[in-house]
Protein backbone atom coordinates (compact mmCIF):
# COMPACT_ATOMS: atom_id res chain seq x y z
CA MET A 1 186.11 -170.45 21.97
CA LYS A 2 183.83 -167.43 21.76
CA GLN A 3 182.24 -168.68 18.51
CA SER A 4 181.27 -172.02 20.04
CA ILE A 5 179.78 -170.29 23.09
CA LEU A 6 177.82 -167.98 20.80
CA PHE A 7 176.47 -170.92 18.78
CA LEU A 8 175.37 -172.71 21.94
CA SER A 9 173.75 -169.55 23.26
CA LEU A 10 171.82 -168.98 20.04
CA THR A 11 170.73 -172.63 19.87
CA LEU A 12 169.43 -172.61 23.43
CA SER A 13 167.71 -169.28 22.86
CA ALA A 14 165.83 -170.65 19.86
CA MET A 15 164.91 -173.95 21.56
CA LEU A 16 163.91 -172.51 24.92
CA ALA A 17 162.20 -169.33 23.77
CA SER A 18 158.92 -170.61 25.24
CA ALA A 19 160.45 -172.38 28.27
CA GLN A 20 160.91 -169.06 30.00
CA VAL A 21 158.62 -166.73 31.92
CA THR A 22 155.41 -165.00 31.04
CA ILE A 23 153.54 -162.08 32.58
CA ASP A 24 150.84 -163.18 35.00
CA ASN A 25 149.78 -159.68 36.06
CA ASP A 26 151.01 -156.12 36.20
CA LEU A 27 150.32 -153.03 38.31
CA VAL A 28 150.90 -149.41 37.28
CA LEU A 29 151.54 -146.91 40.09
CA GLY A 30 151.97 -143.16 40.01
CA GLY A 31 150.36 -140.01 38.73
CA SER A 32 150.38 -137.70 35.74
CA GLU A 33 153.98 -136.54 36.32
CA ASN A 34 157.21 -138.56 36.49
CA ASP A 35 157.30 -141.55 38.87
CA VAL A 36 160.31 -143.88 39.13
CA ALA A 37 161.06 -147.05 41.15
CA TYR A 38 164.57 -148.06 42.21
CA GLY A 39 164.16 -150.29 45.27
CA LEU A 40 162.05 -153.37 46.01
CA LEU A 41 161.84 -155.06 49.40
CA SER A 42 159.99 -158.21 50.46
CA THR A 43 158.60 -157.34 53.89
CA SER A 44 158.33 -159.64 56.90
CA ASP A 45 154.51 -159.50 56.77
CA GLY A 46 154.42 -160.94 53.25
CA ASN A 47 154.06 -157.74 51.23
CA TYR A 48 156.28 -155.53 49.06
CA LEU A 49 157.82 -152.12 49.70
CA VAL A 50 158.69 -150.07 46.62
CA SER A 51 161.02 -147.09 46.99
CA GLY A 52 161.63 -144.42 44.38
CA TYR A 53 160.64 -140.87 43.65
CA SER A 54 157.74 -138.88 42.21
CA ARG A 55 156.69 -135.43 41.03
CA SER A 56 152.98 -136.31 40.89
CA THR A 57 150.13 -135.14 43.10
CA ASP A 58 147.27 -137.20 41.68
CA PHE A 59 146.05 -140.74 41.03
CA ASP A 60 148.09 -142.93 43.42
CA VAL A 61 150.24 -140.07 44.78
CA SER A 62 148.67 -138.09 47.60
CA ALA A 63 151.00 -135.08 47.85
CA ASN A 64 154.28 -133.46 46.83
CA ASN A 65 156.64 -131.10 48.68
CA GLY A 66 158.24 -129.66 45.53
CA LEU A 67 160.21 -131.14 42.64
CA TYR A 68 160.95 -134.85 43.24
CA ASP A 69 160.03 -136.43 46.58
CA TYR A 70 160.89 -139.80 48.04
CA TRP A 71 157.88 -141.96 47.23
CA ILE A 72 157.45 -145.17 49.19
CA VAL A 73 154.58 -147.55 48.42
CA LYS A 74 153.61 -150.70 50.28
CA THR A 75 151.59 -153.18 48.23
CA SER A 76 150.16 -156.62 48.78
CA THR A 77 151.44 -159.55 46.74
CA ALA A 78 148.18 -159.31 44.79
CA GLY A 79 148.97 -155.74 43.75
CA ALA A 80 146.73 -153.74 46.11
CA VAL A 81 148.18 -150.52 47.55
CA ILE A 82 148.29 -150.78 51.36
CA TRP A 83 149.76 -147.32 51.95
CA GLU A 84 151.94 -144.72 50.25
CA THR A 85 153.87 -141.73 51.51
CA ASN A 86 155.99 -138.96 50.05
CA LEU A 87 158.90 -137.38 51.91
CA GLY A 88 161.18 -134.46 51.13
CA GLY A 89 161.44 -130.74 50.78
CA SER A 90 161.44 -128.08 48.10
CA GLY A 91 164.49 -129.56 46.33
CA ASP A 92 164.93 -132.93 44.67
CA ASP A 93 164.74 -135.94 46.99
CA LEU A 94 165.39 -139.32 45.36
CA ALA A 95 165.02 -142.65 47.20
CA ARG A 96 167.12 -145.53 45.87
CA CYS A 97 166.91 -148.44 48.34
CA ALA A 98 165.25 -149.78 51.49
CA VAL A 99 165.77 -152.41 54.20
CA GLU A 100 163.66 -153.69 57.09
CA ILE A 101 164.91 -153.94 60.68
CA SER A 102 162.58 -155.08 63.50
CA GLY A 103 159.43 -154.23 61.55
CA ASN A 104 160.58 -150.72 60.63
CA TYR A 105 161.71 -149.55 57.21
CA TYR A 106 164.93 -147.66 56.49
CA VAL A 107 164.90 -145.85 53.14
CA ALA A 108 168.01 -144.17 51.73
CA GLY A 109 168.90 -142.02 48.75
CA PHE A 110 169.91 -138.40 48.42
CA THR A 111 168.41 -134.95 48.85
CA ALA A 112 169.01 -131.38 47.76
CA SER A 113 166.46 -130.04 50.26
CA ALA A 114 166.89 -128.35 53.63
CA ASP A 115 163.23 -127.87 54.51
CA GLY A 116 160.01 -129.83 54.74
CA ASP A 117 160.86 -133.28 56.04
CA VAL A 118 164.62 -132.63 55.63
CA SER A 119 166.09 -131.00 58.72
CA ALA A 120 169.51 -130.00 57.36
CA ASN A 121 171.84 -130.04 54.37
CA ASN A 122 175.64 -129.88 54.27
CA GLY A 123 175.74 -128.49 50.73
CA GLY A 124 174.84 -129.81 47.30
CA GLN A 125 173.21 -133.21 47.53
CA ASP A 126 173.46 -135.12 50.80
CA GLY A 127 172.85 -138.76 51.52
CA TRP A 128 169.49 -138.99 53.28
CA LEU A 129 168.26 -141.82 55.51
CA VAL A 130 164.70 -142.00 56.84
CA LYS A 131 163.18 -144.47 59.28
CA LEU A 132 159.49 -145.36 58.94
CA ASP A 133 157.28 -147.51 61.11
CA GLY A 134 155.28 -150.37 59.62
CA ASP A 135 152.47 -148.01 58.62
CA GLY A 136 154.71 -145.57 56.77
CA ASN A 137 154.91 -142.90 59.47
CA LEU A 138 158.20 -140.99 59.66
CA LEU A 139 160.08 -141.74 62.90
CA TRP A 140 163.30 -139.86 62.19
CA GLU A 141 165.55 -138.69 59.35
CA LYS A 142 169.24 -137.87 59.02
CA ASN A 143 171.43 -136.42 56.30
CA TYR A 144 175.06 -137.34 55.66
CA GLY A 145 177.88 -135.87 53.60
CA GLY A 146 179.84 -132.70 53.04
CA THR A 147 179.75 -129.59 50.88
CA GLY A 148 180.03 -131.58 47.64
CA ASN A 149 177.49 -133.97 46.18
CA ASP A 150 177.08 -137.15 48.25
CA LEU A 151 174.79 -139.86 46.88
CA ILE A 152 173.62 -143.11 48.52
CA LEU A 153 172.76 -145.76 45.91
CA ASP A 154 172.64 -149.03 47.89
CA MET A 155 172.26 -150.19 51.48
CA LEU A 156 171.96 -153.32 53.57
CA ALA A 157 170.81 -154.27 57.04
CA ALA A 158 174.09 -155.16 58.76
CA SER A 159 174.40 -158.26 60.92
CA ASP A 160 175.12 -156.10 64.00
CA GLY A 161 171.68 -154.46 63.77
CA GLY A 162 172.86 -151.29 62.07
CA VAL A 163 172.82 -150.07 58.49
CA LEU A 164 175.57 -149.92 55.88
CA MET A 165 175.10 -147.52 52.95
CA MET A 166 177.25 -146.93 49.87
CA GLY A 167 177.39 -144.71 46.82
CA TYR A 168 179.82 -141.98 45.88
CA THR A 169 180.96 -138.58 47.11
CA ALA A 170 182.71 -135.44 45.94
CA SER A 171 183.18 -134.10 49.48
CA ALA A 172 186.27 -133.89 51.68
CA ASP A 173 184.60 -132.35 54.72
CA GLY A 174 181.58 -132.82 56.94
CA ASP A 175 181.16 -136.57 57.39
CA LEU A 176 184.08 -137.20 54.97
CA SER A 177 187.63 -136.78 56.25
CA ALA A 178 189.42 -136.83 52.88
CA SER A 179 189.06 -137.11 49.11
CA TYR A 180 191.34 -138.63 46.50
CA GLY A 181 189.99 -136.27 43.82
CA ASN A 182 186.84 -136.06 41.71
CA ASN A 183 184.28 -138.62 42.93
CA ASP A 184 185.19 -141.44 45.33
CA ILE A 185 183.21 -144.50 46.33
CA TRP A 186 181.64 -143.75 49.71
CA VAL A 187 180.66 -146.25 52.42
CA ILE A 188 178.99 -145.12 55.63
CA LYS A 189 178.13 -147.42 58.55
CA THR A 190 175.57 -146.38 61.18
CA ASP A 191 173.83 -147.96 64.13
CA ALA A 192 170.07 -148.59 64.14
CA ASP A 193 169.45 -144.98 65.23
CA GLY A 194 171.40 -143.51 62.33
CA ASN A 195 174.48 -142.54 64.36
CA ILE A 196 177.68 -142.86 62.33
CA ASP A 197 180.01 -145.73 63.28
CA TRP A 198 182.46 -144.93 60.47
CA SER A 199 182.56 -143.23 57.06
CA ARG A 200 185.19 -144.05 54.42
CA ASN A 201 185.97 -143.07 50.84
CA TYR A 202 187.76 -145.29 48.29
CA GLY A 203 189.32 -144.70 44.90
CA GLY A 204 192.00 -142.75 43.12
CA SER A 205 192.63 -139.41 41.50
CA GLU A 206 190.03 -139.94 38.76
CA ASN A 207 186.31 -140.69 39.13
CA ASP A 208 185.17 -143.73 41.11
CA PHE A 209 181.53 -144.72 41.59
CA GLY A 210 179.86 -147.31 43.83
CA ASN A 211 176.71 -149.19 42.81
CA ALA A 212 176.18 -152.29 44.98
CA VAL A 213 177.38 -153.87 48.23
CA VAL A 214 176.86 -157.21 50.01
CA GLU A 215 177.86 -158.41 53.47
CA ILE A 216 180.16 -161.38 54.05
CA PRO A 217 181.54 -162.79 57.31
CA GLY A 218 183.92 -160.18 58.70
CA GLY A 219 183.19 -157.45 56.19
CA TYR A 220 181.67 -156.38 52.90
CA ILE A 221 182.27 -156.62 49.15
CA MET A 222 181.23 -153.82 46.80
CA THR A 223 181.33 -153.07 43.11
CA GLY A 224 181.10 -150.05 40.87
CA ALA A 225 183.35 -148.37 38.33
CA THR A 226 186.79 -146.78 38.49
CA TYR A 227 188.59 -144.47 36.09
CA SER A 228 191.62 -144.40 38.42
CA ASN A 229 194.82 -146.41 38.68
CA ASP A 230 196.42 -144.97 41.81
CA ASN A 231 195.89 -144.67 45.57
CA ASP A 232 193.42 -147.52 46.35
CA VAL A 233 193.18 -148.68 42.71
CA SER A 234 195.65 -150.85 40.81
CA GLY A 235 195.45 -153.02 37.70
CA ASN A 236 193.05 -150.87 35.69
CA HIS A 237 192.77 -152.05 32.07
CA ALA A 238 190.99 -148.93 30.83
CA ASP A 239 192.10 -145.73 29.12
CA LEU A 240 192.37 -143.69 32.31
CA SER A 241 190.02 -140.74 32.83
CA ILE A 242 188.22 -141.69 29.60
CA THR A 243 186.99 -145.25 30.21
CA SER A 244 186.46 -147.35 33.32
CA ASP A 245 186.90 -150.85 34.73
CA SER A 246 184.45 -152.64 36.94
CA TRP A 247 185.96 -152.38 40.41
CA VAL A 248 185.46 -155.02 43.10
CA VAL A 249 186.63 -154.14 46.62
CA ARG A 250 186.58 -156.23 49.78
CA ILE A 251 186.69 -154.33 53.07
CA ASP A 252 186.66 -155.56 56.65
CA ASP A 253 184.00 -154.60 59.19
CA SER A 254 185.95 -151.44 60.06
CA GLY A 255 186.13 -150.29 56.44
CA ASP A 256 189.78 -151.19 55.75
CA ILE A 257 190.54 -152.62 52.29
CA VAL A 258 191.40 -156.34 52.29
CA TRP A 259 191.82 -156.61 48.50
CA GLN A 260 190.67 -154.95 45.30
CA SER A 261 190.41 -156.10 41.70
CA CYS A 262 189.85 -154.26 38.41
CA LEU A 263 187.82 -156.23 35.87
CA GLY A 264 187.42 -155.44 32.19
CA GLY A 265 189.28 -154.28 29.11
CA VAL A 266 190.37 -151.08 27.46
CA ASN A 267 186.81 -149.82 26.94
CA ASN A 268 184.11 -149.13 29.54
CA GLU A 269 183.07 -151.64 32.19
CA ILE A 270 180.70 -150.67 35.02
CA GLY A 271 179.95 -153.04 37.88
CA GLU A 272 176.19 -152.79 38.42
CA ASP A 273 175.43 -155.60 40.93
CA LEU A 274 177.04 -158.62 42.57
CA VAL A 275 176.17 -161.80 44.48
CA ILE A 276 178.08 -164.30 46.62
CA THR A 277 177.73 -167.96 45.58
CA ALA A 278 177.46 -171.02 47.83
CA SER A 279 181.16 -171.69 47.16
CA ASN A 280 182.06 -168.15 48.35
CA THR A 281 182.95 -166.85 44.91
CA ILE A 282 181.72 -163.48 43.68
CA VAL A 283 179.71 -162.97 40.49
CA VAL A 284 179.58 -159.42 39.14
CA ALA A 285 177.07 -158.21 36.55
CA SER A 286 178.59 -155.37 34.53
CA SER A 287 177.89 -153.21 31.54
CA SER A 288 180.75 -153.85 29.12
CA LYS A 289 182.09 -152.38 25.87
CA SER A 290 185.43 -154.23 25.75
CA ASP A 291 186.67 -157.17 23.69
CA ASP A 292 190.05 -157.62 25.36
CA GLY A 293 191.63 -157.90 28.79
CA ASP A 294 189.28 -159.97 30.97
CA VAL A 295 186.51 -159.81 28.35
CA SER A 296 186.78 -162.56 25.74
CA GLY A 297 184.06 -161.47 23.33
CA HIS A 298 181.64 -158.72 22.44
CA TYR A 299 178.48 -158.50 20.36
CA GLY A 300 178.20 -155.62 17.90
CA GLU A 301 180.32 -152.49 17.79
CA LEU A 302 182.53 -151.54 20.73
CA ASN A 303 180.55 -148.36 21.37
CA LYS A 304 177.59 -150.50 22.52
CA PHE A 305 177.22 -152.13 25.93
CA ASP A 306 176.80 -155.87 26.53
CA ILE A 307 175.76 -157.50 29.77
CA TRP A 308 178.89 -159.12 31.17
CA LEU A 309 178.94 -161.74 33.93
CA CYS A 310 182.30 -162.34 35.60
CA GLU A 311 183.01 -164.75 38.46
CA VAL A 312 186.05 -164.15 40.68
CA ASN A 313 187.44 -166.02 43.67
CA ASN A 314 187.77 -164.58 47.16
CA THR A 315 190.94 -162.73 46.21
CA GLY A 316 189.56 -161.21 43.01
CA ASP A 317 191.03 -163.59 40.39
CA VAL A 318 188.81 -164.26 37.35
CA LEU A 319 187.34 -167.80 37.23
CA GLN A 320 184.92 -167.48 34.30
CA GLU A 321 183.19 -164.78 32.28
CA GLN A 322 180.61 -164.44 29.51
CA ASN A 323 178.85 -161.58 27.76
CA PHE A 324 175.19 -161.50 26.70
CA GLY A 325 173.06 -159.30 24.50
CA GLY A 326 172.88 -158.20 20.90
CA SER A 327 174.32 -155.66 18.52
CA ARG A 328 172.79 -152.67 20.34
CA ASP A 329 173.05 -151.49 23.95
CA ASP A 330 172.29 -154.05 26.67
CA SER A 331 172.98 -153.34 30.37
CA PRO A 332 172.22 -155.14 33.64
CA SER A 333 170.64 -153.57 36.69
CA ALA A 334 170.11 -156.43 39.15
CA LEU A 335 171.44 -159.96 39.68
CA LEU A 336 170.32 -162.85 41.87
CA ILE A 337 171.17 -166.52 42.40
CA ASP A 338 168.34 -168.89 41.49
CA ASP A 339 167.40 -172.00 43.48
CA ASP A 340 169.34 -174.24 41.09
CA GLY A 341 172.58 -172.27 41.51
CA GLY A 342 172.21 -170.43 38.22
CA PHE A 343 171.90 -166.68 37.79
CA VAL A 344 169.01 -164.43 36.82
CA VAL A 345 169.72 -160.95 35.47
CA THR A 346 167.38 -158.06 34.78
CA GLY A 347 168.35 -155.00 32.84
CA VAL A 348 167.54 -153.19 29.63
CA SER A 349 168.10 -153.96 25.98
CA ALA A 350 167.78 -152.19 22.64
CA SER A 351 168.77 -155.33 20.70
CA ASP A 352 166.74 -157.86 18.74
CA ASP A 353 169.47 -160.26 17.65
CA PHE A 354 172.11 -162.68 19.01
CA ASP A 355 170.78 -163.63 22.48
CA LEU A 356 167.48 -161.76 22.04
CA THR A 357 164.51 -162.99 20.02
CA GLY A 358 162.74 -159.66 19.71
CA HIS A 359 162.37 -156.03 20.68
CA TYR A 360 159.42 -153.68 21.17
CA GLY A 361 159.65 -150.20 19.66
CA ALA A 362 162.46 -148.31 18.01
CA ALA A 363 166.10 -149.04 18.81
CA SER A 364 166.22 -145.89 20.94
CA ALA A 365 163.40 -147.22 23.18
CA VAL A 366 164.91 -149.88 25.44
CA ASP A 367 162.95 -152.87 26.73
CA ILE A 368 163.31 -154.59 30.07
CA TRP A 369 165.29 -157.79 29.54
CA ILE A 370 165.33 -160.73 31.94
CA MET A 371 167.53 -163.76 31.35
CA LYS A 372 168.56 -166.94 33.16
CA THR A 373 171.89 -168.81 32.98
CA ASP A 374 173.17 -171.95 34.64
CA ASP A 375 176.15 -171.83 36.99
CA SER A 376 178.51 -172.04 33.98
CA PHE A 377 176.97 -168.91 32.41
CA VAL A 378 175.18 -170.87 29.66
CA LEU A 379 172.01 -169.04 28.65
CA GLN A 380 168.87 -171.03 29.51
CA TRP A 381 166.07 -168.60 28.73
CA GLN A 382 165.44 -164.92 28.10
CA LYS A 383 162.51 -162.56 27.57
CA ASN A 384 162.02 -158.91 26.70
CA ILE A 385 159.21 -157.05 28.49
CA GLY A 386 157.61 -153.66 27.95
CA GLY A 387 155.94 -151.55 25.31
CA SER A 388 156.80 -149.33 22.38
CA GLN A 389 158.32 -146.59 24.60
CA THR A 390 161.22 -146.88 27.07
CA ASP A 391 160.97 -149.40 29.91
CA TYR A 392 163.50 -149.85 32.76
CA CYS A 393 163.85 -152.30 35.65
CA GLU A 394 166.14 -151.55 38.60
CA ALA A 395 165.06 -154.23 41.12
CA PHE A 396 163.43 -157.64 41.22
CA LEU A 397 162.83 -160.48 43.66
CA PRO A 398 162.18 -164.22 43.37
CA THR A 399 158.78 -165.31 44.65
CA GLY A 400 158.99 -169.05 43.95
CA ASP A 401 160.21 -171.52 41.35
CA THR A 402 160.75 -169.42 38.19
CA THR A 403 158.42 -166.72 39.51
CA TYR A 404 159.55 -163.13 40.01
CA VAL A 405 158.25 -159.67 40.78
CA LEU A 406 159.86 -156.66 39.10
CA ALA A 407 159.88 -153.04 40.24
CA ALA A 408 160.19 -151.13 36.98
CA TYR A 409 159.25 -147.84 35.41
CA THR A 410 157.84 -147.21 31.97
CA LYS A 411 156.67 -144.61 29.47
CA SER A 412 154.70 -147.21 27.51
CA ASN A 413 150.96 -147.71 27.28
CA ASP A 414 150.73 -150.75 25.02
CA LEU A 415 151.86 -154.34 24.49
CA ASP A 416 152.82 -155.67 27.97
CA VAL A 417 151.88 -152.45 29.83
CA SER A 418 148.22 -152.40 30.86
CA THR A 419 147.75 -148.65 31.37
CA HIS A 420 149.58 -145.35 31.84
CA TYR A 421 148.97 -142.19 33.84
CA GLY A 422 149.64 -138.81 32.26
CA ALA A 423 151.56 -137.96 29.12
CA SER A 424 153.60 -140.58 27.28
CA GLY A 425 156.80 -138.65 28.03
CA ASN A 426 156.47 -139.33 31.78
CA ASN A 427 157.35 -142.53 33.63
CA ASP A 428 155.01 -144.59 35.77
CA ILE A 429 156.15 -147.19 38.27
CA TRP A 430 155.36 -150.61 36.86
CA MET A 431 155.13 -153.79 38.96
CA VAL A 432 155.39 -156.92 36.82
CA TYR A 433 154.58 -160.41 38.10
CA LEU A 434 156.24 -163.23 36.14
CA VAL A 435 155.37 -166.94 36.21
CA PRO A 436 156.73 -169.91 34.25
CA GLY A 437 155.69 -170.08 30.61
CA GLU A 438 154.51 -173.28 28.98
CA GLU A 439 157.41 -175.23 27.52
CA ASP A 440 157.10 -175.61 23.77
CA THR A 441 160.18 -176.41 21.72
CA THR A 442 158.42 -175.92 18.38
CA SER A 443 159.64 -172.90 16.48
CA CYS A 444 157.41 -169.86 16.57
CA ASP A 445 160.05 -167.17 16.05
CA VAL A 446 158.61 -163.95 14.64
CA ALA A 447 160.49 -162.07 11.93
CA VAL A 448 159.89 -159.17 9.54
CA THR A 449 160.32 -160.55 6.01
CA GLU A 450 159.20 -157.49 4.02
CA GLN A 451 159.82 -153.96 5.28
CA PRO A 452 157.04 -151.33 5.09
CA ALA A 453 157.36 -148.95 2.14
CA ASP A 454 157.45 -145.15 2.12
CA ILE A 455 154.01 -143.74 1.29
CA LEU A 456 152.99 -140.40 -0.26
CA ALA A 457 149.21 -139.97 -0.21
CA CYS A 458 146.78 -137.39 -1.55
CA PRO A 459 144.73 -135.35 0.98
CA GLY A 460 141.37 -136.95 1.68
CA SER A 461 142.42 -140.33 0.33
CA ASP A 462 142.80 -143.62 2.16
CA ALA A 463 146.35 -144.79 2.89
CA THR A 464 147.14 -148.49 3.21
CA PHE A 465 150.31 -149.77 4.88
CA THR A 466 151.63 -153.32 4.66
CA VAL A 467 154.41 -155.38 6.20
CA GLY A 468 155.56 -158.94 5.62
CA GLY A 469 156.14 -161.34 8.49
CA ALA A 470 156.95 -164.93 9.32
CA GLY A 471 156.30 -167.04 12.39
CA THR A 472 153.33 -167.09 14.74
CA VAL A 473 152.36 -163.41 14.68
CA THR A 474 149.45 -162.59 16.99
CA SER A 475 149.26 -158.83 16.35
CA TYR A 476 150.84 -155.96 14.44
CA VAL A 477 151.48 -152.66 16.25
CA TRP A 478 151.93 -149.65 13.95
CA ILE A 479 153.81 -146.79 15.63
CA PHE A 480 153.86 -143.26 14.15
CA THR A 481 156.76 -141.40 15.78
CA ALA A 482 155.71 -137.79 15.10
CA SER A 483 152.43 -138.00 17.01
CA GLY A 484 153.07 -141.04 19.17
CA ALA A 485 149.91 -142.60 17.72
CA ASN A 486 149.79 -146.37 17.50
CA PHE A 487 147.33 -148.84 16.01
CA THR A 488 147.05 -152.59 16.55
CA THR A 489 145.79 -154.93 13.84
CA SER A 490 145.46 -158.69 13.56
CA GLU A 491 146.48 -158.62 9.90
CA PRO A 492 149.74 -157.38 8.29
CA SER A 493 148.06 -154.25 6.95
CA LEU A 494 146.63 -150.97 8.21
CA THR A 495 144.32 -148.54 6.41
CA LEU A 496 143.93 -144.92 7.52
CA GLU A 497 140.86 -143.26 6.04
CA ASP A 498 140.59 -139.68 4.80
CA VAL A 499 144.14 -138.68 5.68
CA SER A 500 144.67 -134.98 6.32
CA THR A 501 146.89 -132.49 4.50
CA GLY A 502 150.35 -131.83 5.80
CA PHE A 503 150.68 -134.91 7.97
CA SER A 504 154.16 -136.38 7.90
CA SER A 505 155.65 -139.02 10.17
CA GLU A 506 158.13 -141.82 10.24
CA PHE A 507 156.55 -145.11 11.28
CA TYR A 508 157.51 -148.68 12.07
CA VAL A 509 155.71 -151.93 12.84
CA ILE A 510 156.16 -154.33 15.76
CA LEU A 511 155.26 -157.94 14.97
CA VAL A 512 154.17 -159.55 18.25
CA GLY A 513 154.14 -163.31 18.88
CA ASP A 514 153.67 -165.62 21.82
CA CYS A 515 157.38 -166.43 22.02
CA GLY A 516 159.09 -163.50 20.36
CA ASN A 517 158.65 -160.31 18.40
CA ASP A 518 160.43 -158.29 15.75
CA THR A 519 160.50 -154.63 14.76
CA SER A 520 160.58 -153.29 11.22
CA GLU A 521 162.81 -150.58 9.86
CA LEU A 522 161.55 -146.99 9.77
CA ALA A 523 159.50 -145.85 6.78
CA THR A 524 158.00 -142.43 5.95
CA PHE A 525 154.34 -141.47 5.50
CA SER A 526 153.54 -138.07 3.96
CA VAL A 527 150.31 -136.41 2.85
CA GLY A 528 150.44 -133.68 0.24
CA GLU A 529 149.36 -132.53 -3.19
CA LEU A 530 150.85 -134.57 -6.01
CA PRO A 531 151.77 -132.36 -8.98
CA ALA A 532 150.39 -133.34 -12.36
CA PRO A 533 153.22 -134.99 -14.28
CA ASP A 534 154.62 -133.75 -17.58
CA ILE A 535 153.84 -136.29 -20.30
CA PHE A 536 155.73 -136.37 -23.56
CA PRO A 537 156.06 -138.87 -26.40
CA VAL A 538 159.12 -140.94 -27.02
CA LEU A 539 159.03 -141.07 -30.82
CA PRO A 540 160.45 -143.95 -32.83
CA PRO A 541 162.76 -143.20 -35.80
CA SER A 542 159.86 -144.00 -38.14
CA ILE A 543 156.19 -144.59 -37.49
CA CYS A 544 156.17 -146.86 -40.53
CA GLU A 545 158.80 -149.10 -38.97
CA GLU A 546 157.30 -149.00 -35.43
CA PRO A 547 153.65 -147.86 -35.34
CA VAL A 548 153.66 -147.39 -31.55
CA ILE A 549 154.23 -144.11 -29.71
CA THR A 550 155.45 -144.46 -26.10
CA LEU A 551 154.40 -141.85 -23.55
CA SER A 552 156.89 -141.05 -20.76
CA THR A 553 156.66 -139.10 -17.49
CA PRO A 554 159.16 -138.41 -14.67
CA GLU A 555 158.48 -140.25 -11.40
CA VAL A 556 156.17 -138.26 -9.12
CA ALA A 557 155.50 -140.66 -6.24
């Protein structure tokens, strides 16, 4: 069954490579230090609120209290910054999510500070909730947790007007009454003023982590990962304490467990996000390394993640599942239901095969990957987005029919990324606006057909590099890993003039096309003196019999 699904997926990927999305515009936000986005909110006044964290004090970032601060940016739909604010103290303060209630913004994450904007700390990292007015002014802030590390990773505006937050905790004191051991999933419910209604931990004696939560009538459903198989957890497929299952838990509006379900196989599964369908089933997007248990297939080696979609009924029984990706690591970050009842997933990918038509950069530099399936998990379209460095997307929103806005972060400064602040080793926040691409079922797949060769050049000489390609290639990007230098050509060759002594670097080439791309293997470029070769004759037995003397030399370069 898996082979037929794979064939269909590959066929659709090839046919619909152009019937996907394309970048309409992008916006880079941040400064010369590290800036990261995790949350994206569509506001009631028709704008966007981005929540994340920053260490910068220049360009778009007005100030910093020390180390990482919460950084919240409100932008227009056209990409103009309306306002920005940083919040925190002298420790690390990392915002992960935001909601709007009555025109005010609630932003949550975690903090290691106890000064500046942070009034208190219970020990280690605390969950931290701030309330802002519509102009970004701080109205109040509250910290939650105990003496261990307590992290808030997701939140929602509850139907009763309060806030529900979830993440994980290592505490058994303060706002936590107990601990099962190691980390537990943590859910904390407050009213609109931040006063605690209830706080509960869930899990077993091993590590348990929470990533996402949604509200349903009479309660909530959450997902994450569990390494446990005791206390609240049963049915774990994994090798306990070493690997995890995706864990789906339904609780009532008081925090009591209604049911729980472990999803996965013997290797790692991590529930990253979930949605509730119109038929009240639950679809979970997980990172998966298994090829057994609930997982019917896997691309590549079992030490690499696939994106895994799994649909369960309202008691946690598996209805359907399918994995997506290639032979390298592919992981989801966010999931939504499209207008047609299908599913759209964003995440990251290092692959350029199976479900993916291309990849920017080296295998170690992940791209953003967005894909669309129908309601039966059949792949309809997919696209990789980014540059030659690492690119991540943690949140996205639909803005219309096959139009989306992504809140991402990137170290790239080429290909899809229009600019970059600071050094290439630092992240900028990257807003990406996607619109439908023109449908064209003609093949324009790009592929490397001849790998670049290793080159040893003399100092002061010109060095010429070549690569072979097929398909509709629009540009060739030559990346030199030692210096981070890159060059773009319209032809499959690059000439560097007057190369200097001692330069040595691995390099690779990205072939870029309108509906796909491909990356070459690594080759080596070195500049150095070439020793004069020893030349000696290879004499025949008799010059009379063979009046030719062959000269031979060992290979030099």
